[in-house]
Amino acid sequence: MQTKTEENDVQTKTLLTLKIITPTGIFAEIENVVSIVAETTEGSLGILPHRLDCAAALAPGIFSYQQSGKSHIYMAVDQGALVKTGLNVNVSVRNAIVGKDLAQLHEAIEKVYLNLSEEEKQARAVMQNLESNFLSRMARYHDE
């Protein structure tokens, strides 16, 4: 018969560890994660501890996770990537904002994302153009 401590250790070893990384450093590292829901470029992606390993391109949107015995946490994330290997999920995004509920998150998004300066909007447009030109050149090079 297992003690309460042994049961908690077994449960902890079967739950996810989520690490969220932004260009400025580690945004958050969360243990004992039961489930994750992310918006990808292909649609929503749900992750449970025993899901097969995967990688996905994240689209700007709502990212949520739930720790054992706690309520869901919601984040607004910019585009990025998600990689699940074993019980570790690493998320790399340009920007992330946490909210305790969707209403609070909506207010934070308005302040940060919707009030982007004109320079930042232009810079993002230039970067998207450079990325698409790079990809098309790589495709042509590969075809030759």
N, C-alpha and C. Protein backbone atom coordinates (compact mmCIF):
# COMPACT_ATOMS: atom_id res chain seq x y z
N MET A 1 0.84 -1.18 0.00
CA MET A 1 0.00 0.00 0.00
C MET A 1 0.89 1.24 0.00
N GLN A 2 0.55 2.21 -0.89
CA GLN A 2 1.35 3.43 -1.02
C GLN A 2 0.92 4.50 -0.02
N THR A 3 1.89 5.24 0.44
CA THR A 3 1.58 6.38 1.30
C THR A 3 1.14 7.55 0.44
N LYS A 4 0.59 8.58 1.08
CA LYS A 4 0.14 9.77 0.36
C LYS A 4 1.29 10.43 -0.41
N THR A 5 2.48 10.48 0.19
CA THR A 5 3.65 11.07 -0.45
C THR A 5 4.05 10.28 -1.68
N GLU A 6 4.03 8.93 -1.58
CA GLU A 6 4.38 8.09 -2.72
C GLU A 6 3.37 8.26 -3.85
N GLU A 7 2.08 8.38 -3.52
CA GLU A 7 1.05 8.61 -4.53
C GLU A 7 1.29 9.93 -5.24
N ASN A 8 1.61 11.00 -4.50
CA ASN A 8 1.89 12.30 -5.10
C ASN A 8 3.11 12.24 -6.00
N ASP A 9 4.17 11.50 -5.60
CA ASP A 9 5.37 11.36 -6.43
C ASP A 9 5.05 10.65 -7.74
N VAL A 10 4.24 9.60 -7.68
CA VAL A 10 3.85 8.86 -8.88
C VAL A 10 3.04 9.76 -9.80
N GLN A 11 2.09 10.53 -9.23
CA GLN A 11 1.26 11.42 -10.04
C GLN A 11 2.12 12.50 -10.69
N THR A 12 3.07 13.09 -9.95
CA THR A 12 3.93 14.12 -10.48
C THR A 12 4.75 13.61 -11.65
N LYS A 13 5.19 12.36 -11.60
CA LYS A 13 6.01 11.79 -12.67
C LYS A 13 5.20 11.48 -13.92
N THR A 14 3.88 11.56 -13.84
CA THR A 14 3.05 11.28 -15.01
C THR A 14 2.37 12.53 -15.55
N LEU A 15 2.69 13.71 -15.01
CA LEU A 15 2.11 14.96 -15.48
C LEU A 15 3.14 15.75 -16.28
N LEU A 16 2.65 16.70 -17.05
CA LEU A 16 3.50 17.48 -17.95
C LEU A 16 4.23 18.60 -17.24
N THR A 17 5.37 18.97 -17.80
CA THR A 17 6.09 20.18 -17.42
C THR A 17 6.05 21.09 -18.63
N LEU A 18 5.55 22.30 -18.45
CA LEU A 18 5.38 23.27 -19.53
C LEU A 18 6.37 24.40 -19.35
N LYS A 19 7.15 24.67 -20.40
CA LYS A 19 8.09 25.79 -20.37
C LYS A 19 7.74 26.73 -21.52
N ILE A 20 7.51 28.00 -21.19
CA ILE A 20 7.17 29.00 -22.19
C ILE A 20 8.35 29.96 -22.31
N ILE A 21 8.87 30.07 -23.53
CA ILE A 21 10.07 30.86 -23.78
C ILE A 21 9.73 32.00 -24.75
N THR A 22 10.18 33.20 -24.43
CA THR A 22 10.05 34.36 -25.31
C THR A 22 11.45 34.83 -25.68
N PRO A 23 11.58 35.75 -26.61
CA PRO A 23 12.93 36.23 -26.98
C PRO A 23 13.71 36.83 -25.81
N THR A 24 13.02 37.29 -24.78
CA THR A 24 13.71 37.90 -23.64
C THR A 24 14.09 36.89 -22.57
N GLY A 25 13.66 35.64 -22.68
CA GLY A 25 14.02 34.62 -21.70
C GLY A 25 12.87 33.68 -21.40
N ILE A 26 12.99 32.96 -20.28
CA ILE A 26 11.95 32.02 -19.88
C ILE A 26 10.80 32.81 -19.26
N PHE A 27 9.64 32.75 -19.90
CA PHE A 27 8.46 33.47 -19.43
C PHE A 27 7.84 32.75 -18.24
N ALA A 28 7.77 31.42 -18.33
CA ALA A 28 7.18 30.63 -17.25
C ALA A 28 7.62 29.19 -17.37
N GLU A 29 7.73 28.52 -16.23
CA GLU A 29 7.98 27.08 -16.19
C GLU A 29 6.99 26.50 -15.19
N ILE A 30 6.07 25.69 -15.69
CA ILE A 30 4.96 25.20 -14.88
C ILE A 30 5.02 23.67 -14.81
N GLU A 31 4.91 23.15 -13.61
CA GLU A 31 4.92 21.70 -13.41
C GLU A 31 3.53 21.21 -13.07
N ASN A 32 3.34 19.90 -13.10
CA ASN A 32 2.07 19.25 -12.77
C ASN A 32 0.93 19.71 -13.68
N VAL A 33 1.21 19.82 -14.97
CA VAL A 33 0.19 20.24 -15.93
C VAL A 33 -0.57 19.01 -16.41
N VAL A 34 -1.89 19.11 -16.33
CA VAL A 34 -2.77 18.00 -16.69
C VAL A 34 -3.16 18.06 -18.17
N SER A 35 -3.39 19.28 -18.68
CA SER A 35 -3.80 19.42 -20.08
C SER A 35 -3.39 20.78 -20.62
N ILE A 36 -3.23 20.81 -21.95
CA ILE A 36 -2.85 22.03 -22.67
C ILE A 36 -3.72 22.11 -23.92
N VAL A 37 -4.16 23.33 -24.25
CA VAL A 37 -4.86 23.56 -25.51
C VAL A 37 -4.19 24.75 -26.19
N ALA A 38 -3.77 24.56 -27.44
CA ALA A 38 -3.08 25.61 -28.19
C ALA A 38 -3.72 25.77 -29.56
N GLU A 39 -3.64 26.99 -30.08
CA GLU A 39 -4.11 27.26 -31.45
C GLU A 39 -2.92 27.14 -32.38
N THR A 40 -3.01 26.23 -33.33
CA THR A 40 -1.93 26.06 -34.31
C THR A 40 -2.38 26.62 -35.65
N THR A 41 -1.48 26.61 -36.58
CA THR A 41 -1.83 27.07 -37.93
C THR A 41 -2.80 26.10 -38.60
N GLU A 42 -2.94 24.91 -38.05
CA GLU A 42 -3.85 23.89 -38.61
C GLU A 42 -5.14 23.74 -37.79
N GLY A 43 -5.29 24.48 -36.70
CA GLY A 43 -6.47 24.38 -35.84
C GLY A 43 -6.05 24.16 -34.39
N SER A 44 -7.01 23.80 -33.55
CA SER A 44 -6.72 23.59 -32.13
C SER A 44 -5.98 22.28 -31.90
N LEU A 45 -5.10 22.30 -30.90
CA LEU A 45 -4.33 21.12 -30.55
C LEU A 45 -4.45 20.91 -29.05
N GLY A 46 -4.92 19.74 -28.65
CA GLY A 46 -5.01 19.38 -27.24
C GLY A 46 -3.90 18.42 -26.88
N ILE A 47 -3.30 18.65 -25.72
CA ILE A 47 -2.19 17.79 -25.29
C ILE A 47 -2.48 17.29 -23.88
N LEU A 48 -2.42 15.98 -23.74
CA LEU A 48 -2.52 15.30 -22.45
C LEU A 48 -1.18 14.61 -22.19
N PRO A 49 -0.90 14.22 -20.96
CA PRO A 49 0.42 13.66 -20.65
C PRO A 49 0.88 12.49 -21.52
N HIS A 50 -0.02 11.61 -21.91
CA HIS A 50 0.41 10.43 -22.65
C HIS A 50 0.22 10.55 -24.16
N ARG A 51 0.03 11.76 -24.64
CA ARG A 51 -0.09 12.00 -26.08
C ARG A 51 1.27 11.73 -26.72
N LEU A 52 1.25 11.30 -27.97
CA LEU A 52 2.51 11.07 -28.68
C LEU A 52 3.28 12.38 -28.82
N ASP A 53 4.58 12.27 -28.93
CA ASP A 53 5.42 13.45 -29.13
C ASP A 53 5.03 14.14 -30.43
N CYS A 54 5.16 15.46 -30.45
CA CYS A 54 4.76 16.20 -31.64
C CYS A 54 5.42 17.58 -31.65
N ALA A 55 5.31 18.24 -32.79
CA ALA A 55 5.74 19.62 -32.95
C ALA A 55 4.67 20.33 -33.76
N ALA A 56 4.43 21.61 -33.46
CA ALA A 56 3.40 22.35 -34.17
C ALA A 56 3.77 23.83 -34.24
N ALA A 57 3.37 24.46 -35.34
CA ALA A 57 3.53 25.90 -35.49
C ALA A 57 2.32 26.56 -34.83
N LEU A 58 2.57 27.47 -33.90
CA LEU A 58 1.49 28.14 -33.20
C LEU A 58 1.06 29.40 -33.93
N ALA A 59 -0.24 29.61 -33.97
CA ALA A 59 -0.80 30.83 -34.53
C ALA A 59 -1.08 31.80 -33.37
N PRO A 60 -1.10 33.09 -33.64
CA PRO A 60 -1.48 34.01 -32.56
C PRO A 60 -2.89 33.66 -32.07
N GLY A 61 -3.07 33.58 -30.77
CA GLY A 61 -4.38 33.22 -30.23
C GLY A 61 -4.32 32.93 -28.75
N ILE A 62 -5.31 32.17 -28.30
CA ILE A 62 -5.43 31.83 -26.88
C ILE A 62 -4.78 30.48 -26.64
N PHE A 63 -3.96 30.42 -25.60
CA PHE A 63 -3.26 29.22 -25.17
C PHE A 63 -3.72 28.97 -23.74
N SER A 64 -4.11 27.75 -23.42
CA SER A 64 -4.54 27.49 -22.04
C SER A 64 -3.93 26.20 -21.53
N TYR A 65 -3.80 26.15 -20.21
CA TYR A 65 -3.32 24.94 -19.57
C TYR A 65 -3.99 24.81 -18.21
N GLN A 66 -3.97 23.59 -17.68
CA GLN A 66 -4.54 23.34 -16.37
C GLN A 66 -3.57 22.51 -15.56
N GLN A 67 -3.28 23.00 -14.36
CA GLN A 67 -2.46 22.24 -13.43
C GLN A 67 -3.36 21.33 -12.60
N SER A 68 -2.78 20.29 -12.05
CA SER A 68 -3.52 19.35 -11.23
C SER A 68 -4.20 20.07 -10.07
N GLY A 69 -5.53 19.91 -9.97
CA GLY A 69 -6.30 20.48 -8.87
C GLY A 69 -6.55 21.98 -8.96
N LYS A 70 -6.21 22.61 -10.08
CA LYS A 70 -6.40 24.06 -10.22
C LYS A 70 -7.26 24.36 -11.45
N SER A 71 -7.70 25.60 -11.56
CA SER A 71 -8.52 25.99 -12.72
C SER A 71 -7.62 26.32 -13.91
N HIS A 72 -8.24 26.45 -15.07
CA HIS A 72 -7.50 26.76 -16.30
C HIS A 72 -6.85 28.13 -16.21
N ILE A 73 -5.67 28.24 -16.80
CA ILE A 73 -4.97 29.51 -16.95
C ILE A 73 -4.97 29.83 -18.44
N TYR A 74 -5.28 31.08 -18.78
CA TYR A 74 -5.35 31.50 -20.17
C TYR A 74 -4.23 32.47 -20.48
N MET A 75 -3.66 32.33 -21.69
CA MET A 75 -2.63 33.23 -22.16
C MET A 75 -2.92 33.62 -23.59
N ALA A 76 -2.60 34.85 -23.91
CA ALA A 76 -2.60 35.27 -25.30
C ALA A 76 -1.17 35.12 -25.77
N VAL A 77 -0.96 34.43 -26.87
CA VAL A 77 0.39 34.23 -27.39
C VAL A 77 0.46 34.70 -28.83
N ASP A 78 1.63 35.17 -29.19
CA ASP A 78 1.91 35.53 -30.56
C ASP A 78 2.36 34.25 -31.27
N GLN A 79 2.67 34.33 -32.53
CA GLN A 79 3.07 33.13 -33.25
C GLN A 79 4.34 32.53 -32.68
N GLY A 80 4.51 31.23 -32.90
CA GLY A 80 5.68 30.55 -32.37
C GLY A 80 5.64 29.07 -32.69
N ALA A 81 6.25 28.29 -31.80
CA ALA A 81 6.33 26.84 -32.01
C ALA A 81 6.12 26.11 -30.69
N LEU A 82 5.57 24.90 -30.79
CA LEU A 82 5.35 24.04 -29.63
C LEU A 82 6.00 22.69 -29.95
N VAL A 83 6.75 22.16 -28.97
CA VAL A 83 7.37 20.85 -29.13
C VAL A 83 7.09 20.04 -27.87
N LYS A 84 6.51 18.83 -28.05
CA LYS A 84 6.26 17.92 -26.92
C LYS A 84 7.18 16.73 -27.08
N THR A 85 8.00 16.50 -26.06
CA THR A 85 8.85 15.31 -26.02
C THR A 85 8.70 14.69 -24.64
N GLY A 86 8.20 13.49 -24.61
CA GLY A 86 7.95 12.84 -23.33
C GLY A 86 6.94 13.63 -22.52
N LEU A 87 7.29 13.98 -21.30
CA LEU A 87 6.39 14.75 -20.44
C LEU A 87 6.76 16.24 -20.43
N ASN A 88 7.63 16.66 -21.36
CA ASN A 88 8.03 18.06 -21.45
C ASN A 88 7.41 18.71 -22.66
N VAL A 89 6.82 19.89 -22.45
CA VAL A 89 6.26 20.68 -23.54
C VAL A 89 6.96 22.03 -23.52
N ASN A 90 7.66 22.34 -24.60
CA ASN A 90 8.34 23.62 -24.74
C ASN A 90 7.60 24.46 -25.76
N VAL A 91 7.29 25.68 -25.37
CA VAL A 91 6.59 26.61 -26.25
C VAL A 91 7.48 27.84 -26.41
N SER A 92 7.76 28.18 -27.64
CA SER A 92 8.56 29.37 -27.93
C SER A 92 7.69 30.33 -28.73
N VAL A 93 7.43 31.50 -28.16
CA VAL A 93 6.57 32.49 -28.81
C VAL A 93 7.22 33.87 -28.75
N ARG A 94 6.78 34.76 -29.64
CA ARG A 94 7.32 36.12 -29.66
C ARG A 94 6.88 36.91 -28.44
N ASN A 95 5.66 36.68 -27.98
CA ASN A 95 5.12 37.44 -26.85
C ASN A 95 4.04 36.61 -26.18
N ALA A 96 3.87 36.79 -24.87
CA ALA A 96 2.83 36.09 -24.13
C ALA A 96 2.29 36.99 -23.03
N ILE A 97 0.98 36.91 -22.81
CA ILE A 97 0.32 37.67 -21.75
C ILE A 97 -0.59 36.71 -21.01
N VAL A 98 -0.52 36.71 -19.67
CA VAL A 98 -1.33 35.82 -18.85
C VAL A 98 -2.53 36.57 -18.31
N GLY A 99 -3.68 35.87 -18.24
CA GLY A 99 -4.88 36.42 -17.63
C GLY A 99 -5.56 35.34 -16.80
N LYS A 100 -6.14 35.73 -15.68
CA LYS A 100 -6.82 34.74 -14.84
C LYS A 100 -8.12 34.26 -15.46
N ASP A 101 -8.75 35.14 -16.25
CA ASP A 101 -9.94 34.74 -16.98
C ASP A 101 -9.92 35.43 -18.34
N LEU A 102 -10.85 35.04 -19.19
CA LEU A 102 -10.84 35.56 -20.55
C LEU A 102 -11.13 37.06 -20.63
N ALA A 103 -11.95 37.59 -19.71
CA ALA A 103 -12.25 39.03 -19.71
C ALA A 103 -11.00 39.84 -19.39
N GLN A 104 -10.25 39.41 -18.37
CA GLN A 104 -9.02 40.11 -18.01
C GLN A 104 -8.00 40.00 -19.15
N LEU A 105 -7.94 38.85 -19.79
CA LEU A 105 -7.03 38.65 -20.90
C LEU A 105 -7.38 39.55 -22.07
N HIS A 106 -8.68 39.71 -22.33
CA HIS A 106 -9.13 40.57 -23.42
C HIS A 106 -8.66 42.01 -23.21
N GLU A 107 -8.76 42.50 -21.99
CA GLU A 107 -8.30 43.86 -21.67
C GLU A 107 -6.80 43.99 -21.90
N ALA A 108 -6.04 42.99 -21.47
CA ALA A 108 -4.59 43.04 -21.63
C ALA A 108 -4.20 43.00 -23.11
N ILE A 109 -4.92 42.21 -23.89
CA ILE A 109 -4.64 42.13 -25.32
C ILE A 109 -4.88 43.48 -25.99
N GLU A 110 -5.97 44.12 -25.64
CA GLU A 110 -6.25 45.43 -26.22
C GLU A 110 -5.12 46.41 -25.93
N LYS A 111 -4.62 46.38 -24.72
CA LYS A 111 -3.55 47.31 -24.33
C LYS A 111 -2.26 47.03 -25.08
N VAL A 112 -1.92 45.77 -25.25
CA VAL A 112 -0.63 45.42 -25.83
C VAL A 112 -0.68 45.24 -27.34
N TYR A 113 -1.52 44.32 -27.80
CA TYR A 113 -1.49 43.97 -29.22
C TYR A 113 -2.19 44.98 -30.11
N LEU A 114 -3.31 45.49 -29.69
CA LEU A 114 -4.06 46.37 -30.56
C LEU A 114 -3.51 47.79 -30.60
N ASN A 115 -2.62 48.11 -29.68
CA ASN A 115 -2.02 49.44 -29.66
C ASN A 115 -0.58 49.42 -30.16
N LEU A 116 -0.28 48.51 -31.07
CA LEU A 116 1.06 48.45 -31.62
C LEU A 116 1.36 49.75 -32.37
N SER A 117 2.56 50.21 -32.23
CA SER A 117 2.94 51.43 -32.93
C SER A 117 2.97 51.16 -34.44
N GLU A 118 2.86 52.20 -35.20
CA GLU A 118 2.90 52.07 -36.65
C GLU A 118 4.23 51.48 -37.11
N GLU A 119 5.31 51.83 -36.44
CA GLU A 119 6.62 51.29 -36.79
C GLU A 119 6.66 49.78 -36.60
N GLU A 120 6.09 49.30 -35.50
CA GLU A 120 6.10 47.86 -35.24
C GLU A 120 5.25 47.12 -36.26
N LYS A 121 4.12 47.70 -36.65
CA LYS A 121 3.28 47.07 -37.68
C LYS A 121 4.05 46.96 -38.99
N GLN A 122 4.77 48.03 -39.35
CA GLN A 122 5.56 48.00 -40.59
C GLN A 122 6.69 46.99 -40.49
N ALA A 123 7.34 46.93 -39.33
CA ALA A 123 8.44 45.97 -39.14
C ALA A 123 7.93 44.54 -39.28
N ARG A 124 6.76 44.26 -38.71
CA ARG A 124 6.19 42.91 -38.84
C ARG A 124 5.85 42.59 -40.29
N ALA A 125 5.33 43.56 -41.02
CA ALA A 125 5.01 43.34 -42.43
C ALA A 125 6.28 43.06 -43.23
N VAL A 126 7.34 43.79 -42.95
CA VAL A 126 8.62 43.56 -43.64
C VAL A 126 9.15 42.17 -43.32
N MET A 127 9.09 41.77 -42.05
CA MET A 127 9.57 40.44 -41.66
C MET A 127 8.77 39.33 -42.34
N GLN A 128 7.47 39.49 -42.43
CA GLN A 128 6.64 38.48 -43.10
C GLN A 128 7.01 38.39 -44.58
N ASN A 129 7.27 39.54 -45.19
CA ASN A 129 7.66 39.57 -46.60
C ASN A 129 9.01 38.88 -46.79
N LEU A 130 9.96 39.17 -45.91
CA LEU A 130 11.28 38.52 -46.00
C LEU A 130 11.16 37.01 -45.82
N GLU A 131 10.36 36.58 -44.86
CA GLU A 131 10.18 35.15 -44.62
C GLU A 131 9.57 34.45 -45.83
N SER A 132 8.55 35.06 -46.43
CA SER A 132 7.91 34.42 -47.58
C SER A 132 8.85 34.40 -48.79
N ASN A 133 9.63 35.48 -49.00
CA ASN A 133 10.61 35.49 -50.09
C ASN A 133 11.68 34.42 -49.88
N PHE A 134 12.13 34.28 -48.65
CA PHE A 134 13.13 33.27 -48.34
C PHE A 134 12.60 31.87 -48.64
N LEU A 135 11.37 31.60 -48.21
CA LEU A 135 10.78 30.28 -48.44
C LEU A 135 10.59 30.00 -49.93
N SER A 136 10.16 31.00 -50.69
CA SER A 136 9.96 30.77 -52.13
C SER A 136 11.30 30.55 -52.83
N ARG A 137 12.35 31.26 -52.41
CA ARG A 137 13.68 31.03 -53.00
C ARG A 137 14.20 29.64 -52.65
N MET A 138 13.97 29.22 -51.41
CA MET A 138 14.40 27.88 -51.02
C MET A 138 13.67 26.82 -51.83
N ALA A 139 12.39 27.04 -52.08
CA ALA A 139 11.61 26.08 -52.87
C ALA A 139 12.14 26.02 -54.30
N ARG A 140 12.44 27.19 -54.89
CA ARG A 140 13.00 27.20 -56.26
C ARG A 140 14.35 26.52 -56.30
N TYR A 141 15.19 26.79 -55.29
CA TYR A 141 16.51 26.17 -55.23
C TYR A 141 16.38 24.66 -55.13
N HIS A 142 15.42 24.22 -54.33
CA HIS A 142 15.22 22.78 -54.15
C HIS A 142 14.73 22.13 -55.43
N ASP A 143 13.91 22.83 -56.22
CA ASP A 143 13.39 22.30 -57.49
C ASP A 143 14.45 22.19 -58.57
N GLU A 144 15.51 23.02 -58.47
CA GLU A 144 16.54 23.03 -59.52
C GLU A 144 17.48 21.89 -59.42
